[in-house]
Protein backbone atom coordinates (compact mmCIF):
# COMPACT_ATOMS: atom_id res chain seq x y z
CA MET A 1 101.57 23.15 121.39
CA ALA A 2 99.52 26.33 120.96
CA THR A 3 101.14 29.31 119.28
CA ALA A 4 100.54 32.72 120.82
CA THR A 5 99.11 35.29 118.42
CA ALA A 6 98.90 39.04 118.73
CA PRO A 7 95.53 40.42 119.88
CA ALA A 8 93.23 41.61 117.12
CA PRO A 9 93.49 45.33 118.08
CA THR A 10 97.29 45.08 117.91
CA ARG A 11 97.17 43.46 114.47
CA ARG A 12 94.75 46.10 113.22
CA ARG A 13 96.98 48.86 114.59
CA ARG A 14 100.04 47.40 112.87
CA SER A 15 98.13 47.07 109.61
CA ALA A 16 96.92 50.65 109.86
CA ASN A 17 100.46 51.88 110.58
CA ALA A 18 101.83 49.90 107.62
CA ALA A 19 99.13 51.28 105.32
CA ARG A 20 99.78 54.82 106.54
CA SER A 21 103.54 54.44 105.96
CA ALA A 22 102.96 53.04 102.47
CA ARG A 23 100.62 55.95 101.68
CA LYS A 24 103.23 58.48 102.84
CA ILE A 25 105.94 56.84 100.73
CA GLY A 26 103.62 56.71 97.72
CA LEU A 27 102.69 60.38 98.04
CA GLY A 28 106.35 61.30 98.45
CA LEU A 29 107.32 59.41 95.29
CA LEU A 30 104.40 60.96 93.44
CA GLY A 31 105.60 64.42 94.46
CA ILE A 32 109.13 63.68 93.20
CA LEU A 33 107.78 62.40 89.88
CA GLY A 34 105.62 65.51 89.57
CA MET A 35 108.61 67.76 90.19
CA LEU A 36 110.74 65.93 87.62
CA ALA A 37 107.91 66.05 85.06
CA THR A 38 107.49 69.80 85.58
CA TRP A 39 111.25 70.29 85.28
CA GLN A 40 111.27 68.29 82.02
CA LEU A 41 108.36 70.28 80.56
CA ILE A 42 109.79 73.76 81.26
CA PRO A 43 112.70 73.54 78.74
CA THR A 44 110.69 71.28 76.43
CA LEU A 45 107.98 73.93 76.04
CA GLY A 46 110.60 76.63 75.58
CA ILE A 47 109.68 78.49 78.76
CA VAL A 48 113.39 78.51 79.65
CA ASN A 49 116.23 77.96 77.21
CA PRO A 50 117.55 74.38 77.63
CA GLN A 51 121.05 75.84 77.61
CA TYR A 52 120.33 77.43 80.99
CA LEU A 53 117.93 74.80 82.33
CA PRO A 54 118.95 71.34 81.10
CA TYR A 55 116.30 68.64 80.81
CA ALA A 56 115.68 66.59 83.93
CA THR A 57 116.52 63.38 82.07
CA GLU A 58 119.80 64.86 80.87
CA THR A 59 120.70 66.02 84.39
CA LEU A 60 119.90 62.62 85.90
CA ALA A 61 121.98 60.89 83.24
CA ASN A 62 124.89 63.22 84.03
CA LEU A 63 124.45 62.49 87.75
CA PHE A 64 124.75 58.74 87.18
CA GLY A 65 127.85 59.43 85.12
CA GLU A 66 129.37 61.54 87.90
CA MET A 67 128.63 58.79 90.42
CA ARG A 68 131.05 56.52 88.55
CA ASP A 69 133.85 59.03 89.19
CA LEU A 70 135.79 58.65 92.45
CA GLU A 71 136.30 62.42 92.69
CA PHE A 72 132.54 62.87 92.93
CA TRP A 73 132.41 60.76 96.10
CA ARG A 74 135.44 62.57 97.48
CA ASN A 75 133.61 65.87 97.11
CA VAL A 76 130.50 64.45 98.75
CA GLY A 77 132.69 63.12 101.57
CA ARG A 78 134.37 66.50 102.04
CA THR A 79 131.00 68.21 102.30
CA LEU A 80 129.62 65.65 104.76
CA SER A 81 132.82 65.77 106.83
CA LEU A 82 132.64 69.56 107.21
CA TRP A 83 128.89 69.34 107.88
CA GLY A 84 129.30 66.67 110.55
CA THR A 85 132.14 68.49 112.29
CA GLY A 86 130.25 71.78 112.44
CA LEU A 87 127.05 70.08 113.61
CA ALA A 88 128.88 68.17 116.35
CA ILE A 89 130.67 71.26 117.69
CA ALA A 90 127.50 73.36 117.65
CA THR A 91 125.43 70.62 119.30
CA VAL A 92 127.83 70.01 122.19
CA ALA A 93 128.22 73.74 122.87
CA ALA A 94 124.46 74.34 122.63
CA ILE A 95 123.58 71.46 124.98
CA VAL A 96 126.07 72.55 127.64
CA LEU A 97 125.27 76.27 127.52
CA GLY A 98 121.54 75.76 126.98
CA THR A 99 121.32 73.49 130.02
CA LEU A 100 123.30 75.86 132.24
CA VAL A 101 121.30 78.92 131.21
CA GLY A 102 117.97 77.09 131.25
CA LEU A 103 118.43 75.85 134.81
CA SER A 104 119.03 79.37 136.15
CA ARG A 105 116.29 81.99 136.05
CA PHE A 106 118.91 84.66 136.69
CA LEU A 107 121.00 83.55 133.69
CA ARG A 108 117.92 83.36 131.46
CA LYS A 109 117.03 86.96 132.25
CA ALA A 110 120.64 88.15 132.07
CA THR A 111 121.30 86.60 128.65
CA HIS A 112 117.90 87.16 127.04
CA THR A 113 118.79 90.46 125.37
CA THR A 114 122.18 89.19 124.20
CA VAL A 115 120.64 86.04 122.71
CA GLU A 116 117.94 87.98 120.90
CA PHE A 117 120.61 90.34 119.53
CA LEU A 118 123.01 87.64 118.30
CA ARG A 119 120.52 85.05 117.06
CA PRO A 120 119.08 87.03 114.09
CA ILE A 121 122.52 87.95 112.69
CA PRO A 122 122.89 86.06 109.37
CA SER A 123 125.86 83.74 109.58
CA VAL A 124 126.84 84.62 105.99
CA ALA A 125 127.51 88.15 107.28
CA LEU A 126 130.38 86.63 109.26
CA ILE A 127 132.11 85.25 106.16
CA PRO A 128 134.44 88.28 105.74
CA VAL A 129 135.42 88.05 109.42
CA ALA A 130 135.98 84.30 109.17
CA ILE A 131 138.15 84.72 106.06
CA LEU A 132 140.10 87.51 107.73
CA ILE A 133 140.88 85.28 110.73
CA PHE A 134 141.35 81.85 109.11
CA GLY A 135 141.89 82.63 105.43
CA LEU A 136 140.40 80.45 102.69
CA GLN A 137 140.47 77.37 104.91
CA PRO A 138 137.83 74.90 106.19
CA GLN A 139 138.05 76.58 109.61
CA ALA A 140 136.48 79.68 108.09
CA GLY A 141 133.56 77.57 106.94
CA LEU A 142 133.23 76.01 110.37
CA VAL A 143 132.74 79.46 111.90
CA ILE A 144 129.54 80.17 109.95
CA ILE A 145 128.29 76.57 110.19
CA VAL A 146 128.72 76.43 113.96
CA TYR A 147 127.27 79.92 114.46
CA ALA A 148 124.06 79.24 112.55
CA THR A 149 123.56 75.72 113.89
CA PHE A 150 124.30 76.64 117.50
CA TRP A 151 121.25 78.89 117.81
CA GLN A 152 118.90 76.25 116.40
CA VAL A 153 119.88 73.76 119.11
CA PHE A 154 120.59 76.24 121.93
CA VAL A 155 117.14 77.85 121.87
CA GLN A 156 115.39 74.47 121.86
CA VAL A 157 117.49 73.15 124.76
CA LEU A 158 116.97 76.39 126.66
CA TYR A 159 113.19 76.17 126.32
CA GLY A 160 113.20 72.44 127.08
CA VAL A 161 115.14 72.80 130.33
CA ALA A 162 113.08 75.83 131.36
CA ASP A 163 109.87 73.86 130.69
CA ILE A 164 110.46 71.52 133.63
CA ASP A 165 107.41 71.43 135.88
CA THR A 166 108.07 73.38 139.08
CA VAL A 167 106.15 70.89 141.23
CA ALA A 168 108.16 67.98 139.80
CA ARG A 169 111.42 69.81 140.45
CA ASP A 170 110.43 70.65 144.03
CA THR A 171 109.33 67.06 144.61
CA ALA A 172 112.67 65.75 143.36
CA ARG A 173 114.48 68.10 145.72
CA SER A 174 112.28 67.19 148.67
CA TYR A 175 113.13 63.52 148.12
CA GLY A 176 116.79 64.41 148.23
CA LEU A 177 117.64 63.35 144.68
CA SER A 178 121.18 64.20 143.66
CA THR A 179 121.88 66.59 140.80
CA LEU A 180 122.80 63.64 138.57
CA SER A 181 119.59 61.80 139.45
CA GLN A 182 117.52 64.92 138.76
CA PHE A 183 119.20 65.32 135.40
CA ARG A 184 118.64 61.66 134.47
CA SER A 185 115.07 61.35 135.72
CA LEU A 186 113.65 64.84 135.20
CA ILE A 187 115.73 67.29 133.16
CA PHE A 188 116.81 64.96 130.36
CA PRO A 189 113.38 63.38 129.61
CA THR A 190 111.69 66.79 129.66
CA SER A 191 114.19 68.48 127.36
CA LEU A 192 114.80 65.54 124.99
CA PRO A 193 111.86 66.32 122.63
CA TYR A 194 113.11 69.91 122.34
CA LEU A 195 116.67 68.70 121.76
CA MET A 196 115.62 66.33 118.97
CA THR A 197 113.70 69.13 117.25
CA GLY A 198 116.74 71.38 117.53
CA LEU A 199 119.01 68.68 116.12
CA ARG A 200 116.73 68.07 113.14
CA LEU A 201 116.52 71.78 112.34
CA GLY A 202 120.21 72.30 113.06
CA ALA A 203 121.26 69.44 110.77
CA ALA A 204 119.43 71.03 107.82
CA VAL A 205 120.81 74.49 108.57
CA ALA A 206 124.33 73.07 108.93
CA LEU A 207 124.12 71.45 105.49
CA ILE A 208 122.87 74.68 103.90
CA LEU A 209 125.71 76.67 105.45
CA THR A 210 128.27 74.00 104.54
CA ILE A 211 127.45 74.29 100.84
CA THR A 212 127.25 78.07 101.16
CA ALA A 213 130.74 78.16 102.68
CA GLU A 214 132.06 75.97 99.87
CA LEU A 215 130.44 78.25 97.29
CA VAL A 216 131.70 81.53 98.71
CA ILE A 217 134.99 80.62 100.39
CA GLY A 218 136.07 77.97 97.91
CA ILE A 219 136.40 75.09 100.36
CA PRO A 220 136.62 71.78 98.44
CA GLY A 221 133.27 70.02 98.22
CA ILE A 222 129.94 70.15 96.43
CA GLY A 223 129.70 73.93 96.64
CA SER A 224 133.10 74.53 95.09
CA GLN A 225 132.18 72.16 92.23
CA ILE A 226 129.11 74.30 91.54
CA THR A 227 131.25 77.44 91.49
CA THR A 228 133.82 75.87 89.16
CA ALA A 229 131.14 74.64 86.75
CA LEU A 230 129.41 78.04 86.83
CA THR A 231 132.69 79.80 86.00
CA VAL A 232 133.15 77.79 82.79
CA GLY A 233 129.46 77.90 81.85
CA ASP A 234 128.86 74.19 82.41
CA TRP A 235 125.20 74.49 83.38
CA LEU A 236 124.59 70.76 83.25
CA THR A 237 127.16 70.14 85.98
CA VAL A 238 125.79 73.07 87.98
CA TYR A 239 122.29 71.56 88.05
CA THR A 240 123.73 68.10 88.71
CA TYR A 241 125.42 69.23 91.90
CA VAL A 242 122.40 71.32 92.91
CA LEU A 243 120.39 68.11 92.60
CA VAL A 244 122.99 66.31 94.74
CA SER A 245 122.60 69.02 97.39
CA GLY A 246 118.85 68.45 97.46
CA ILE A 247 119.29 64.67 97.72
CA LEU A 248 121.69 65.09 100.65
CA GLY A 249 119.22 67.43 102.35
CA LEU A 250 116.44 64.86 101.94
CA ILE A 251 118.62 62.07 103.34
CA VAL A 252 119.66 64.20 106.32
CA ASN A 253 116.04 65.09 107.09
CA LEU A 254 114.86 61.47 106.83
CA LEU A 255 117.77 60.28 108.98
CA PHE A 256 117.10 62.71 111.80
CA ARG A 257 113.36 62.09 111.65
CA PHE A 258 114.10 58.37 112.03
CA ILE A 259 116.38 59.05 115.00
CA GLU A 260 113.81 61.39 116.53
CA ARG A 261 110.99 58.87 116.28
CA HIS A 262 113.06 56.10 117.86
CA ALA A 263 114.53 58.31 120.59
CA LEU A 264 111.03 59.56 121.47
CA SER A 265 109.13 56.29 121.01
CA TRP A 266 107.94 56.67 124.61
CA HIS A 267 106.77 60.27 124.13
CA GLN A 268 103.14 61.26 123.65
CA SER A 269 103.85 63.11 120.38
CA VAL A 270 105.17 59.96 118.69
CA ARG A 271 102.77 57.48 120.31
CA GLY A 272 99.90 59.78 119.39
CA GLU A 273 100.88 59.60 115.71
CA GLU A 274 100.85 55.79 115.84
CA VAL A 275 97.29 55.51 117.11
CA LEU A 276 95.75 58.18 114.90
């Protein structure tokens, strides 16, 4: 019985994709090693006092020690819980409002000035207001997380919905497609690439503001651990948790890039990358 084999062009394409992925991973690892080597050399050469910039090897050793402590994982969990809650609230609100505004030319024009006024306001400027309303509670942190993340997703959804081809929309209407059918067949596929970009950017911004809220407001988590260590002059722990913040940011970015590529596997932007 003959066994079917993949055509030669398909095999070559898969091999090329595998080689390209391996090259990206290799370059990424090389960059990390270069950063760690530079970090190690700075205190070694006396450029910065090791008291204020611990050696990279010492910081990594302390990180592995912290990872054996249950409280470390509790703090990571608290940070991720606050991050996920803020991201979810901001995303739902941005999708609903962005879709409604994007579908209406009148609403786009009516809200343009308001959006451009509110969007540049730094969310950290709202910290005093949030503390005044909610006190030193996680809800105060959610205010600045949701505010900053909302605009990242809202603007992308707004542009994505507004980018629908006029001829395609008129054709859908002329064929009598229901609102639900238009959303499923026209609005959603057109705006999905914009939405995924907004989610990826919003996820990173949400993590930054989560740790900022923990630092400033004192909400339990990675940020509050940095503040506590800084107060007692424990620079090694400070850099350890800063390193943890960077690792979480890298994981979040890789996760949302993975989701984006799979959600848009049909889209020209992703398929174009595969054949290059």
